[in-house]
Amino acid sequence: RALVDTDGVFRLASASTGSGDGAVVEADLRLDAADSVVATLETLGVPSDDFVISQLEVVAPPPEAKARLGAGEAFAWVEVLGEARRQARPLARYFVLMAVAGVVAGLGVIKGNAILIVGAMAVSPDLLPLCSVCVGLVGRRGRLARRAFATLMLGLAVVGAAAALMTFLLDVVGILPDPLVLGAGGLSGLAVTDYSTVLIALVAGVAAMLAFETRASTAVGVAISVTTIPASAYWGVALGAGEASGAGGALLVLAVNVCLLIASGSATLEVQRRLSSR
């Protein structure tokens, strides 16, 4: 009866389990009703491992158009939270991809080749733990936020370490250009913080959070990584080449970018939650 009275729940059916000591209840619900259903089940004392909510991709008929902002795109906090929990984990695959991004971006810094840096940004999956930090902060889930932040920071450290190690090895075998000119090819801005650093990071955080909730996360992740991967690789190359001043400037750019990305991403998610609650 509680589910029947929940707005957005349709076609509810109950079937006996056969043993006579329970029943299986199934229902269709709108995505924006998922949070209400979870709250209802928790109020009734249903354990979290006794129910499953899954999202199906509707091909036809097309959903009814809505005259509000975000037409056809419902928002469910439980869905965003579930995705954040998955992406906050420090998986081996994540660190391997970050190391690959560090090597490619490091070569881009050494050669002054922006195309290589763009390629490294496409490989990097740092958008996922970054958005998970935002979800943890907005949802006041400290453990999730700390875990995701640690994953993000470790990943960026792997990028810098991979770039530093590669630079050092190239120097040992005599392949590294002598002298090495950091910032060649128009890349000097990677170690300089100015107004554009702030603006880019702020708008990138908005895009990151919106993409995290859709299938656009892979494509938008390339744009988000422009604020993290190049600076991480730059300080790694500078460290490997023994140029501490360049490493310090790039680390400052990276720190500013990460803080602003988290701030704007969290603000975006908070606005979405407030609009959804209306």
Protein backbone atom coordinates (compact mmCIF):
# COMPACT_ATOMS: atom_id res chain seq x y z
CA ARG A 1 0.00 0.00 0.00
CA ALA A 2 2.90 2.34 0.74
CA LEU A 3 4.30 1.79 -2.75
CA VAL A 4 0.90 2.27 -4.37
CA ASP A 5 0.63 5.64 -2.63
CA THR A 6 4.09 6.71 -3.88
CA ASP A 7 3.92 9.09 -6.82
CA GLY A 8 5.64 7.73 -9.91
CA VAL A 9 5.10 4.00 -9.16
CA PHE A 10 3.08 2.02 -11.73
CA ARG A 11 2.09 -1.57 -12.53
CA LEU A 12 2.85 -2.94 -9.11
CA ALA A 13 2.49 -6.72 -8.77
CA SER A 14 3.10 -9.22 -5.98
CA ALA A 15 3.82 -12.95 -6.34
CA SER A 16 4.29 -15.59 -3.68
CA THR A 17 7.78 -17.05 -3.26
CA GLY A 18 6.29 -20.54 -3.17
CA SER A 19 7.47 -21.26 0.36
CA GLY A 20 4.65 -19.25 1.86
CA ASP A 21 6.91 -17.08 4.02
CA GLY A 22 7.20 -14.05 1.78
CA ALA A 23 6.52 -12.48 -1.59
CA VAL A 24 8.31 -10.88 -4.52
CA VAL A 25 7.03 -7.39 -5.31
CA GLU A 26 7.78 -5.79 -8.68
CA ALA A 27 6.87 -2.37 -10.04
CA ASP A 28 7.74 0.15 -12.72
CA LEU A 29 8.72 3.62 -11.56
CA ARG A 30 9.89 6.87 -13.02
CA LEU A 31 13.54 7.69 -12.43
CA ASP A 32 12.64 10.74 -10.34
CA ALA A 33 10.58 8.48 -8.05
CA ALA A 34 13.55 6.25 -7.15
CA ASP A 35 14.57 8.34 -4.14
CA SER A 36 11.03 8.27 -2.73
CA VAL A 37 10.82 4.50 -3.17
CA VAL A 38 14.14 3.95 -1.39
CA ALA A 39 13.03 6.22 1.46
CA THR A 40 9.73 4.32 1.75
CA LEU A 41 11.47 0.94 1.86
CA GLU A 42 13.91 2.17 4.50
CA THR A 43 11.01 3.52 6.59
CA LEU A 44 9.32 0.12 6.39
CA GLY A 45 12.50 -1.56 7.60
CA VAL A 46 13.28 -3.43 4.38
CA PRO A 47 17.02 -4.31 4.39
CA SER A 48 19.04 -2.80 1.54
CA ASP A 49 20.03 -6.25 0.27
CA ASP A 50 16.36 -7.25 -0.08
CA PHE A 51 15.56 -4.88 -2.95
CA VAL A 52 17.10 -3.92 -6.26
CA ILE A 53 16.42 -0.89 -8.46
CA SER A 54 17.62 -1.14 -12.04
CA GLN A 55 17.31 1.33 -14.89
CA LEU A 56 16.15 0.18 -18.33
CA GLU A 57 16.94 2.00 -21.55
CA VAL A 58 13.64 2.89 -23.24
CA VAL A 59 13.85 2.70 -27.04
CA ALA A 60 10.18 3.17 -27.98
CA PRO A 61 7.77 4.77 -27.59
CA PRO A 62 9.69 7.98 -26.88
CA PRO A 63 9.13 9.54 -23.44
CA GLU A 64 6.61 12.31 -23.20
CA ALA A 65 8.19 15.74 -23.64
CA LYS A 66 8.19 17.96 -20.59
CA ALA A 67 8.04 21.71 -20.53
CA ARG A 68 10.56 22.12 -17.73
CA LEU A 69 14.32 22.57 -17.71
CA GLY A 70 16.02 19.27 -18.48
CA ALA A 71 13.14 17.90 -20.53
CA GLY A 72 13.16 14.13 -20.56
CA GLU A 73 16.13 13.93 -18.15
CA ALA A 74 15.00 12.94 -14.67
CA PHE A 75 17.34 13.10 -11.70
CA ALA A 76 17.64 10.43 -9.04
CA TRP A 77 20.03 10.88 -6.15
CA VAL A 78 20.18 7.14 -5.50
CA GLU A 79 21.48 6.61 -9.05
CA VAL A 80 24.17 9.29 -8.74
CA LEU A 81 25.21 7.94 -5.34
CA GLY A 82 25.49 4.39 -6.65
CA GLU A 83 27.68 5.53 -9.54
CA ALA A 84 29.88 7.54 -7.17
CA ARG A 85 30.41 4.52 -4.93
CA ARG A 86 31.56 2.47 -7.93
CA GLN A 87 33.94 5.11 -9.24
CA ALA A 88 35.50 6.01 -5.88
CA ARG A 89 37.29 2.67 -5.63
CA PRO A 90 41.05 2.67 -6.35
CA LEU A 91 41.07 -0.02 -9.03
CA ALA A 92 44.28 -1.27 -10.67
CA ARG A 93 42.90 -0.43 -14.12
CA TYR A 94 42.44 3.19 -13.05
CA PHE A 95 46.09 3.51 -11.98
CA VAL A 96 47.35 1.83 -15.15
CA LEU A 97 45.41 4.28 -17.30
CA MET A 98 46.72 7.20 -15.25
CA ALA A 99 50.29 5.93 -15.68
CA VAL A 100 49.78 5.67 -19.43
CA ALA A 101 48.41 9.21 -19.45
CA GLY A 102 51.48 10.37 -17.51
CA VAL A 103 53.90 8.88 -20.05
CA VAL A 104 52.05 10.27 -23.07
CA ALA A 105 51.55 13.71 -21.53
CA GLY A 106 55.16 13.74 -20.32
CA LEU A 107 56.37 13.18 -23.86
CA GLY A 108 54.06 15.97 -24.97
CA VAL A 109 55.66 18.35 -22.45
CA ILE A 110 59.20 17.32 -23.46
CA LYS A 111 58.52 17.71 -27.17
CA GLY A 112 56.21 20.71 -26.81
CA ASN A 113 53.53 18.70 -28.60
CA ALA A 114 49.97 19.65 -27.60
CA ILE A 115 48.50 16.75 -29.60
CA LEU A 116 50.20 14.22 -27.33
CA ILE A 117 48.81 16.00 -24.27
CA VAL A 118 45.30 15.86 -25.73
CA GLY A 119 45.79 12.14 -26.29
CA ALA A 120 46.79 11.71 -22.65
CA MET A 121 43.68 13.60 -21.56
CA ALA A 122 41.56 11.14 -23.55
CA VAL A 123 43.15 8.20 -21.71
CA SER A 124 42.83 9.64 -18.21
CA PRO A 125 39.75 8.59 -16.14
CA ASP A 126 40.25 11.22 -13.41
CA LEU A 127 36.80 12.73 -13.97
CA LEU A 128 35.16 9.75 -12.23
CA PRO A 129 36.73 9.96 -8.74
CA LEU A 130 36.61 13.76 -8.93
CA CYS A 131 32.83 13.71 -9.37
CA SER A 132 32.55 11.07 -6.67
CA VAL A 133 34.17 13.54 -4.27
CA CYS A 134 31.44 16.06 -5.14
CA VAL A 135 28.71 13.47 -4.51
CA GLY A 136 30.23 12.60 -1.14
CA LEU A 137 30.41 16.26 -0.09
CA VAL A 138 26.88 17.15 -1.20
CA GLY A 139 25.44 13.97 0.30
CA ARG A 140 27.40 14.52 3.53
CA ARG A 141 28.99 11.11 3.19
CA GLY A 142 32.46 11.71 4.55
CA ARG A 143 33.76 8.20 3.96
CA LEU A 144 32.82 8.31 0.27
CA ALA A 145 34.33 11.78 -0.17
CA ARG A 146 37.60 10.79 1.53
CA ARG A 147 37.89 7.57 -0.44
CA ALA A 148 37.23 9.28 -3.78
CA PHE A 149 39.60 12.13 -2.97
CA ALA A 150 42.36 9.68 -2.07
CA THR A 151 41.78 7.82 -5.35
CA LEU A 152 41.92 11.09 -7.30
CA MET A 153 45.10 12.29 -5.58
CA LEU A 154 46.84 8.95 -5.94
CA GLY A 155 45.95 8.87 -9.62
CA LEU A 156 47.36 12.35 -10.23
CA ALA A 157 50.48 11.39 -8.28
CA VAL A 158 50.86 8.36 -10.57
CA VAL A 159 50.66 10.67 -13.59
CA GLY A 160 53.44 12.87 -12.22
CA ALA A 161 55.56 9.91 -11.10
CA ALA A 162 55.27 8.20 -14.49
CA ALA A 163 56.28 11.42 -16.27
CA ALA A 164 59.19 11.96 -13.84
CA LEU A 165 60.48 8.41 -14.18
CA MET A 166 60.28 8.53 -17.96
CA THR A 167 62.14 11.87 -18.02
CA PHE A 168 64.84 10.55 -15.73
CA LEU A 169 65.34 7.41 -17.85
CA LEU A 170 65.51 9.45 -21.06
CA ASP A 171 68.12 11.64 -19.41
CA VAL A 172 70.17 8.61 -18.30
CA VAL A 173 70.30 7.12 -21.81
CA GLY A 174 71.05 10.51 -23.36
CA ILE A 175 67.82 10.95 -25.32
CA LEU A 176 66.49 13.90 -23.34
CA PRO A 177 67.07 17.21 -25.19
CA ASP A 178 69.93 19.26 -23.74
CA PRO A 179 68.99 21.81 -22.66
CA LEU A 180 65.38 20.84 -21.97
CA VAL A 181 63.09 23.84 -22.56
CA LEU A 182 59.99 23.44 -20.43
CA GLY A 183 56.93 25.20 -21.80
CA ALA A 184 57.96 24.90 -25.46
CA GLY A 185 55.21 24.80 -28.07
CA GLY A 186 52.97 27.19 -26.17
CA LEU A 187 52.83 25.00 -23.05
CA SER A 188 54.32 27.57 -20.66
CA GLY A 189 50.82 28.28 -19.28
CA LEU A 190 50.81 24.85 -17.61
CA ALA A 191 52.93 26.29 -14.79
CA VAL A 192 51.27 29.72 -14.52
CA THR A 193 48.12 30.48 -12.53
CA ASP A 194 45.99 33.38 -13.78
CA TYR A 195 42.33 34.35 -14.27
CA SER A 196 41.89 31.85 -17.11
CA THR A 197 42.94 29.01 -14.79
CA VAL A 198 40.12 29.93 -12.41
CA LEU A 199 37.45 30.38 -15.08
CA ILE A 200 38.30 27.17 -16.94
CA ALA A 201 38.29 25.11 -13.75
CA LEU A 202 34.94 26.53 -12.62
CA VAL A 203 33.10 25.83 -15.86
CA ALA A 204 34.84 22.47 -16.23
CA GLY A 205 33.48 21.42 -12.83
CA VAL A 206 29.93 22.14 -13.99
CA ALA A 207 30.46 20.11 -17.16
CA ALA A 208 32.06 17.29 -15.20
CA MET A 209 29.12 16.87 -12.84
CA LEU A 210 26.52 16.98 -15.62
CA ALA A 211 28.51 14.51 -17.72
CA PHE A 212 28.96 12.17 -14.75
CA GLU A 213 25.20 11.59 -14.75
CA THR A 214 24.99 10.78 -18.47
CA ARG A 215 26.74 8.80 -21.17
CA ALA A 216 28.75 11.91 -22.02
CA SER A 217 31.27 11.28 -19.24
CA THR A 218 33.85 9.72 -21.58
CA ALA A 219 33.79 12.56 -24.10
CA VAL A 220 33.58 15.38 -21.56
CA GLY A 221 36.33 13.73 -19.52
CA VAL A 222 38.81 14.84 -22.17
CA ALA A 223 37.86 18.47 -21.58
CA ILE A 224 37.95 18.08 -17.80
CA SER A 225 41.43 16.55 -17.87
CA VAL A 226 42.80 19.72 -19.45
CA THR A 227 42.82 21.11 -15.91
CA THR A 228 44.62 18.16 -14.30
CA ILE A 229 46.68 15.90 -16.57
CA PRO A 230 48.87 18.52 -18.31
CA ALA A 231 49.87 20.17 -15.02
CA SER A 232 50.49 16.78 -13.38
CA ALA A 233 52.74 15.69 -16.25
CA TYR A 234 54.49 19.06 -16.32
CA TRP A 235 55.57 18.87 -12.68
CA GLY A 236 56.65 15.29 -13.23
CA VAL A 237 58.86 16.22 -16.19
CA ALA A 238 60.27 19.21 -14.29
CA LEU A 239 61.03 17.00 -11.30
CA GLY A 240 62.66 14.33 -13.45
CA ALA A 241 64.79 16.96 -15.18
CA GLY A 242 65.83 18.56 -11.88
CA GLU A 243 64.00 21.87 -12.42
CA ALA A 244 62.24 22.39 -9.12
CA SER A 245 60.90 25.86 -9.99
CA GLY A 246 58.88 24.53 -12.89
CA ALA A 247 57.55 21.70 -10.74
CA GLY A 248 56.33 24.15 -8.07
CA GLY A 249 54.41 26.30 -10.53
CA ALA A 250 52.69 23.30 -12.10
CA LEU A 251 51.76 21.92 -8.68
CA LEU A 252 50.12 25.23 -7.79
CA VAL A 253 48.11 25.17 -11.03
CA LEU A 254 47.05 21.59 -10.27
CA ALA A 255 46.00 22.41 -6.69
CA VAL A 256 43.93 25.43 -7.78
CA ASN A 257 42.26 23.42 -10.54
CA VAL A 258 41.34 20.49 -8.31
CA CYS A 259 39.87 22.74 -5.59
CA LEU A 260 37.79 24.75 -8.07
CA LEU A 261 36.62 21.65 -9.94
CA ILE A 262 35.33 20.14 -6.70
CA ALA A 263 33.71 23.42 -5.63
CA SER A 264 31.84 24.05 -8.89
CA GLY A 265 30.93 20.38 -9.33
CA SER A 266 29.49 20.22 -5.82
CA ALA A 267 27.54 23.44 -6.37
CA THR A 268 26.09 22.05 -9.61
CA LEU A 269 24.96 18.86 -7.91
CA GLU A 270 23.44 20.75 -4.98
CA VAL A 271 21.40 22.91 -7.36
CA GLN A 272 20.17 19.78 -9.14
CA ARG A 273 19.10 18.19 -5.87
CA ARG A 274 17.19 21.28 -4.83
CA LEU A 275 15.42 21.57 -8.19
CA SER A 276 14.59 17.86 -8.12
CA SER A 277 13.09 18.13 -4.64
CA ARG A 278 10.67 20.72 -5.99
